[in-house]
């Protein structure tokens, strides 16, 4: 008899590569950079980056921290690796060892960079256009000297509402970005859009698009049917099958009471695995031939990351990131 207890995370690298290639075609001439921050949204940055580098020809990657760039560098030897959180004394060694490119988003980091320049590296600059997160404000750009503005090799910003096609902020930020780059960085390549902005049209793509969530199968343009192939399947074994009598309660706080005789299955997955419940208890009254050890699908092509994010009151990216980080999963790559 086979007894299983661990949940399984399947990662379809073929579909991930196909999603990248689709988005690359959609970008219509803009360079398609891959965002592999947060350990490639929990799916394994080294494996994902190597696959895109070797098979799809991706030559530009974005990570969040210097240590992430250092980890993928051996797998993408000739690629550009941009670090979105910038550079500081706690990450300088990673930049020096691995030839990373910082994204400078504030005065303090700019001052640090000028003091610790790395030969052969020209950083990117992030400017604020309406999201009000990281980025130089217009008054700070005005105060910047021409010599300082010449330090950079790429100017970028980030859209706040690109998942809503008709949102006024998209046009507002586009106009801001165009105005600021023409005033301060007219000769630099530019990047405004992540995955969702790539779907907004040619005006938003500029020279580089930063492909993240959509590449991993998440619907970043929910106003249209998801055009991405599923990349992730999550399943977990049934630990127990029990009869539930009419009037019996289930779970903490007795939040469910059976209106009739039911059959339930307890599935080995929950909070500790990144799923917003623990353990999962399913009504399987109508399921025939179910046995302990059979697999329950938590995420698949019929109930997607976006679906579970919606039902949990969050987004697919958060669910994916939580699941992917968990070491309790048996991880399987489909190639």
Protein backbone atom coordinates (compact mmCIF):
# COMPACT_ATOMS: atom_id res chain seq x y z
CA UNK A 1 0.00 0.00 0.00
CA UNK A 2 1.32 3.43 -0.96
CA UNK A 3 0.84 6.24 1.57
CA UNK A 4 1.64 9.78 0.42
CA UNK A 5 1.67 12.96 2.51
CA UNK A 6 3.50 15.72 0.56
CA UNK A 7 1.93 18.21 -1.85
CA UNK A 8 3.36 18.40 -5.37
CA UNK A 9 4.25 21.49 -7.43
CA UNK A 10 4.53 20.86 -11.17
CA UNK A 11 6.23 23.54 -13.28
CA UNK A 12 5.78 23.29 -17.03
CA UNK A 13 8.91 24.88 -18.51
CA UNK A 14 7.72 24.23 -22.07
CA UNK A 15 4.61 26.34 -21.47
CA UNK A 16 6.64 29.02 -19.70
CA UNK A 17 8.92 29.30 -22.72
CA UNK A 18 5.92 29.41 -25.08
CA UNK A 19 4.41 32.22 -23.00
CA UNK A 20 7.68 34.15 -23.22
CA UNK A 21 7.80 33.69 -26.99
CA UNK A 22 4.17 34.80 -27.36
CA UNK A 23 4.83 37.95 -25.32
CA UNK A 24 8.04 38.54 -27.26
CA UNK A 25 6.01 38.54 -30.48
CA UNK A 26 3.38 40.78 -28.91
CA UNK A 27 6.09 43.27 -27.96
CA UNK A 28 6.66 43.97 -31.69
CA UNK A 29 10.30 44.91 -31.68
CA UNK A 30 10.80 45.89 -28.06
CA UNK A 31 13.31 43.70 -26.26
CA UNK A 32 11.56 41.08 -24.15
CA UNK A 33 13.28 40.99 -20.76
CA UNK A 34 12.38 38.28 -18.24
CA UNK A 35 11.59 39.16 -14.63
CA UNK A 36 12.89 36.39 -12.38
CA UNK A 37 12.70 38.21 -9.04
CA UNK A 38 11.41 36.44 -5.95
CA UNK A 39 13.06 33.22 -7.16
CA UNK A 40 11.12 33.50 -10.45
CA UNK A 41 7.87 34.01 -8.53
CA UNK A 42 8.77 30.93 -6.50
CA UNK A 43 9.39 28.61 -9.46
CA UNK A 44 13.19 28.55 -9.33
CA UNK A 45 15.07 31.51 -10.81
CA UNK A 46 18.15 29.55 -11.83
CA UNK A 47 16.13 26.93 -13.72
CA UNK A 48 13.78 29.47 -15.34
CA UNK A 49 16.54 31.89 -16.34
CA UNK A 50 18.67 29.14 -17.83
CA UNK A 51 15.75 27.79 -19.86
CA UNK A 52 14.91 31.22 -21.29
CA UNK A 53 18.57 32.02 -21.95
CA UNK A 54 19.43 28.74 -23.65
CA UNK A 55 16.19 27.97 -25.49
CA UNK A 56 14.50 31.32 -26.12
CA UNK A 57 17.50 33.61 -26.51
CA UNK A 58 16.56 35.95 -23.65
CA UNK A 59 19.49 38.25 -22.94
CA UNK A 60 18.06 40.68 -20.36
CA UNK A 61 16.79 39.76 -16.90
CA UNK A 62 15.39 41.72 -13.96
CA UNK A 63 15.77 40.65 -10.34
CA UNK A 64 14.88 42.42 -7.08
CA UNK A 65 18.13 42.11 -5.12
CA UNK A 66 21.81 41.77 -5.90
CA UNK A 67 22.02 38.30 -4.35
CA UNK A 68 19.34 37.11 -6.78
CA UNK A 69 21.40 38.40 -9.69
CA UNK A 70 24.49 36.71 -8.35
CA UNK A 71 22.61 33.40 -8.08
CA UNK A 72 21.48 33.39 -11.72
CA UNK A 73 24.68 34.79 -13.24
CA UNK A 74 26.34 31.37 -13.86
CA UNK A 75 23.23 30.30 -15.80
CA UNK A 76 23.04 33.42 -18.01
CA UNK A 77 26.72 34.26 -18.58
CA UNK A 78 26.36 36.96 -21.24
CA UNK A 79 23.06 38.49 -20.21
CA UNK A 80 22.33 41.91 -18.76
CA UNK A 81 20.96 41.58 -15.22
CA UNK A 82 19.18 44.63 -13.79
CA UNK A 83 18.58 44.87 -10.03
CA UNK A 84 15.33 46.68 -9.25
CA UNK A 85 16.03 47.45 -5.58
CA UNK A 86 19.27 49.14 -6.53
CA UNK A 87 22.65 48.95 -4.83
CA UNK A 88 23.92 49.50 -1.30
CA UNK A 89 26.72 48.46 0.98
CA UNK A 90 24.97 45.17 1.74
CA UNK A 91 24.89 44.19 -1.95
CA UNK A 92 27.97 45.86 -3.45
CA UNK A 93 30.01 42.66 -3.43
CA UNK A 94 27.34 40.84 -5.45
CA UNK A 95 27.41 43.59 -8.08
CA UNK A 96 31.19 43.47 -8.30
CA UNK A 97 31.40 39.67 -8.51
CA UNK A 98 28.58 39.21 -11.00
CA UNK A 99 28.62 42.30 -13.24
CA UNK A 100 25.12 43.43 -12.27
CA UNK A 101 23.38 46.65 -13.28
CA UNK A 102 21.66 48.64 -10.51
CA UNK A 103 18.40 50.48 -11.03
CA UNK A 104 18.96 53.77 -9.20
CA UNK A 105 15.75 55.25 -7.78
CA UNK A 106 16.83 57.91 -5.29
CA UNK A 107 19.44 60.46 -4.32
CA UNK A 108 21.08 58.34 -1.65
CA UNK A 109 21.66 55.41 -3.99
CA UNK A 110 22.97 57.74 -6.66
CA UNK A 111 25.48 59.17 -4.18
CA UNK A 112 26.47 55.64 -3.16
CA UNK A 113 26.94 54.64 -6.80
CA UNK A 114 29.13 57.64 -7.56
CA UNK A 115 31.35 56.64 -4.65
CA UNK A 116 31.46 52.93 -5.61
CA UNK A 117 31.25 52.87 -9.40
CA UNK A 118 31.97 49.53 -11.05
CA UNK A 119 34.02 49.68 -14.21
CA UNK A 120 32.07 48.86 -17.34
CA UNK A 121 28.63 49.25 -15.70
CA UNK A 122 26.18 52.06 -16.46
CA UNK A 123 23.12 51.91 -14.18
CA UNK A 124 19.48 52.41 -15.07
CA UNK A 125 17.41 55.20 -13.54
CA UNK A 126 13.84 54.82 -12.34
CA UNK A 127 11.60 57.88 -12.50
CA UNK A 128 8.26 58.48 -10.79
CA UNK A 129 5.30 58.98 -13.14
CA UNK A 130 2.27 58.37 -10.92
CA UNK A 131 2.62 55.11 -8.99
CA UNK A 132 4.36 56.96 -6.14
CA UNK A 133 6.64 54.12 -5.25
CA UNK A 134 10.32 54.02 -6.14
CA UNK A 135 11.69 56.64 -8.50
CA UNK A 136 13.14 60.13 -8.87
CA UNK A 137 10.52 62.89 -8.71
CA UNK A 138 10.59 65.71 -11.24
CA UNK A 139 12.07 68.22 -8.81
CA UNK A 140 14.92 65.79 -8.10
CA UNK A 141 15.58 65.34 -11.80
CA UNK A 142 15.65 69.12 -12.22
CA UNK A 143 18.31 69.37 -9.51
CA UNK A 144 20.43 66.61 -11.07
CA UNK A 145 23.52 67.78 -12.91
CA UNK A 146 24.06 66.99 -16.60
CA UNK A 147 27.07 64.85 -15.62
CA UNK A 148 24.88 62.81 -13.30
CA UNK A 149 22.25 62.33 -15.97
CA UNK A 150 24.96 61.02 -18.29
CA UNK A 151 25.70 58.17 -15.88
CA UNK A 152 22.69 56.13 -16.98
CA UNK A 153 22.06 53.63 -19.76
CA UNK A 154 18.28 53.05 -19.41
CA UNK A 155 15.33 55.06 -18.04
CA UNK A 156 12.34 53.19 -16.67
CA UNK A 157 9.11 53.65 -14.77
CA UNK A 158 6.20 51.43 -13.71
CA UNK A 159 2.47 51.57 -14.46
CA UNK A 160 -0.06 51.54 -11.62
CA UNK A 161 -3.24 50.41 -13.41
CA UNK A 162 -2.19 48.60 -16.58
CA UNK A 163 -4.45 45.66 -15.74
CA UNK A 164 -7.41 47.97 -16.47
CA UNK A 165 -7.28 48.84 -20.14
CA UNK A 166 -9.38 52.00 -19.96
CA UNK A 167 -8.05 53.40 -16.68
CA UNK A 168 -7.17 57.08 -16.93
CA UNK A 169 -3.87 56.48 -15.10
CA UNK A 170 -2.42 54.61 -18.07
CA UNK A 171 -2.57 57.62 -20.39
CA UNK A 172 -1.60 59.94 -17.54
CA UNK A 173 1.55 57.97 -16.77
CA UNK A 174 2.40 57.52 -20.44
CA UNK A 175 2.30 61.29 -20.98
CA UNK A 176 4.36 61.87 -17.84
CA UNK A 177 6.94 59.32 -18.90
CA UNK A 178 7.26 60.77 -22.38
CA UNK A 179 7.54 64.31 -21.05
CA UNK A 180 10.18 63.51 -18.43
CA UNK A 181 12.34 61.32 -20.62
CA UNK A 182 12.28 63.86 -23.46
CA UNK A 183 13.28 66.60 -21.05
CA UNK A 184 15.96 64.78 -19.08
CA UNK A 185 16.99 61.60 -20.97
CA UNK A 186 16.12 62.10 -24.64
CA UNK A 187 18.78 59.72 -25.95
CA UNK A 188 18.33 56.82 -23.53
CA UNK A 189 16.51 53.55 -24.25
CA UNK A 190 13.30 53.38 -22.21
CA UNK A 191 11.12 50.84 -20.39
CA UNK A 192 7.65 51.56 -19.01
CA UNK A 193 5.72 48.30 -19.17
CA UNK A 194 5.69 45.07 -17.27
CA UNK A 195 3.51 42.19 -18.51
CA UNK A 196 0.20 44.03 -18.19
CA UNK A 197 1.45 47.15 -19.96
CA UNK A 198 2.66 45.05 -22.89
CA UNK A 199 -0.99 44.33 -23.73
CA UNK A 200 -1.89 48.05 -23.84
CA UNK A 201 -0.37 48.65 -27.25
CA UNK A 202 2.72 49.85 -29.05
CA UNK A 203 2.80 53.27 -27.36
CA UNK A 204 3.53 51.60 -24.02
CA UNK A 205 6.28 49.21 -25.09
CA UNK A 206 9.22 51.52 -25.86
CA UNK A 207 12.59 49.70 -26.08
CA UNK A 208 12.27 47.07 -23.32
CA UNK A 209 9.26 45.30 -21.81
CA UNK A 210 9.66 43.51 -18.47
CA UNK A 211 7.82 40.19 -18.65
CA UNK A 212 6.86 38.71 -15.30
CA UNK A 213 3.49 37.44 -14.11
CA UNK A 214 2.03 36.74 -17.57
CA UNK A 215 5.05 34.63 -18.48
CA UNK A 216 4.21 32.42 -15.49
CA UNK A 217 0.63 31.90 -16.69
CA UNK A 218 -1.16 34.59 -14.67
CA UNK A 219 -3.78 36.71 -16.42
CA UNK A 220 -2.42 40.26 -16.19
CA UNK A 221 -5.01 41.57 -18.66
CA UNK A 222 -8.26 40.40 -17.00
CA UNK A 223 -10.39 42.47 -19.35
CA UNK A 224 -9.71 39.76 -21.94
CA UNK A 225 -9.54 35.97 -21.96
CA UNK A 226 -6.20 34.75 -20.64
CA UNK A 227 -3.90 34.11 -23.60
CA UNK A 228 -1.20 32.51 -21.47
CA UNK A 229 -0.65 28.78 -21.17
CA UNK A 230 -0.80 27.31 -17.65
CA UNK A 231 2.64 26.89 -16.11
CA UNK A 232 1.77 25.60 -12.63
CA UNK A 233 -0.18 22.65 -11.31
CA UNK A 234 -0.53 22.04 -7.58
CA UNK A 235 -1.81 18.75 -6.18
CA UNK A 236 -1.87 17.03 -2.83
CA UNK A 237 -2.74 13.54 -1.59
CA UNK A 238 -5.93 12.57 0.18
CA UNK A 239 -5.02 11.64 3.77
CA UNK A 240 -8.40 10.41 4.94
CA UNK A 241 -11.95 9.82 3.72
CA UNK A 242 -14.73 9.99 6.31
CA UNK A 243 -18.48 9.86 6.63
CA UNK A 244 -20.18 13.02 7.85
CA UNK A 245 -23.60 12.67 9.43
CA UNK A 246 -26.39 15.19 9.15
CA UNK A 247 -25.82 17.92 11.74
CA UNK A 248 -22.08 17.29 12.13
CA UNK A 249 -19.73 20.28 12.16
CA UNK A 250 -16.47 20.64 10.20
CA UNK A 251 -13.37 22.70 10.90
CA UNK A 252 -12.29 25.41 13.31
CA UNK A 253 -15.07 27.57 14.77
CA UNK A 254 -17.59 25.01 13.47
CA UNK A 255 -18.15 27.18 10.40
CA UNK A 256 -19.80 24.39 8.36
CA UNK A 257 -22.66 22.12 9.43
CA UNK A 258 -23.82 19.27 7.25
CA UNK A 259 -27.41 19.59 6.04
CA UNK A 260 -27.42 15.89 5.22
CA UNK A 261 -25.25 12.82 5.24
CA UNK A 262 -22.04 13.61 3.37
CA UNK A 263 -18.63 12.13 2.60
CA UNK A 264 -15.51 14.27 3.12
CA UNK A 265 -11.85 13.97 2.13
CA UNK A 266 -8.99 15.60 4.05
CA UNK A 267 -6.25 16.77 1.69
CA UNK A 268 -2.63 17.27 2.78
CA UNK A 269 -2.15 20.94 1.98
CA UNK A 270 -2.84 24.21 3.77
CA UNK A 271 -1.51 27.43 5.30
CA UNK A 272 2.02 26.17 5.67
CA UNK A 273 2.10 25.40 1.94
CA UNK A 274 0.84 28.83 0.88
CA UNK A 275 -2.82 27.85 0.47
CA UNK A 276 -5.22 30.02 2.52
CA UNK A 277 -6.75 27.14 4.53
CA UNK A 278 -5.44 24.18 6.54
CA UNK A 279 -6.07 21.29 6.04
CA UNK A 280 -8.26 21.40 2.96
CA UNK A 281 -11.48 19.50 3.60
CA UNK A 282 -13.53 18.61 0.53
CA UNK A 283 -17.08 17.39 0.08
CA UNK A 284 -16.62 14.27 -2.08
CA UNK A 285 -20.09 12.79 -1.69
CA UNK A 286 -20.54 12.58 -5.45
CA UNK A 287 -17.00 11.38 -6.22
CA UNK A 288 -16.81 7.67 -6.97
CA UNK A 289 -13.83 5.37 -6.53
CA UNK A 290 -11.84 7.83 -4.42
CA UNK A 291 -9.12 6.35 -2.23
CA UNK A 292 -6.63 7.55 0.36
CA UNK A 293 -3.46 8.50 -1.55
CA UNK A 294 -5.32 9.78 -4.62
CA UNK A 295 -4.38 13.29 -5.70
CA UNK A 296 -6.57 16.37 -5.37
CA UNK A 297 -5.80 19.20 -7.77
CA UNK A 298 -5.58 22.56 -6.02
CA UNK A 299 -4.40 24.56 -9.05
CA UNK A 300 -4.72 23.40 -12.65
CA UNK A 301 -6.06 24.59 -15.99
CA UNK A 302 -9.64 24.42 -14.69
CA UNK A 303 -9.05 26.19 -11.37
CA UNK A 304 -6.19 28.57 -11.98
CA UNK A 305 -3.92 30.73 -9.86
CA UNK A 306 -6.15 33.66 -10.76
CA UNK A 307 -9.21 31.75 -9.58
CA UNK A 308 -7.74 30.83 -6.21
CA UNK A 309 -6.43 34.38 -5.79
CA UNK A 310 -9.90 35.79 -6.47
CA UNK A 311 -11.59 33.38 -4.06
CA UNK A 312 -9.00 34.09 -1.36
CA UNK A 313 -9.35 37.86 -1.73
CA UNK A 314 -5.87 38.37 -3.16
CA UNK A 315 -4.11 37.95 -6.53
CA UNK A 316 -2.60 35.00 -8.37
CA UNK A 317 0.92 36.39 -8.01
CA UNK A 318 0.72 36.29 -4.21
CA UNK A 319 -0.61 32.72 -4.22
CA UNK A 320 2.12 31.60 -6.63
CA UNK A 321 4.88 33.28 -4.67
CA UNK A 322 3.72 31.70 -1.39
CA UNK A 323 3.38 28.25 -2.90
CA UNK A 324 6.68 28.40 -4.75
CA UNK A 325 8.69 29.34 -1.68
CA UNK A 326 7.58 26.34 0.35
CA UNK A 327 10.10 23.54 0.77
CA UNK A 328 7.45 20.99 1.75
CA UNK A 329 6.43 20.58 -1.87
CA UNK A 330 7.81 17.85 -4.05
CA UNK A 331 8.87 19.95 -7.03
CA UNK A 332 8.63 18.50 -10.54
CA UNK A 333 9.81 20.28 -13.69
CA UNK A 334 8.12 19.28 -16.95
CA UNK A 335 10.48 19.88 -19.85
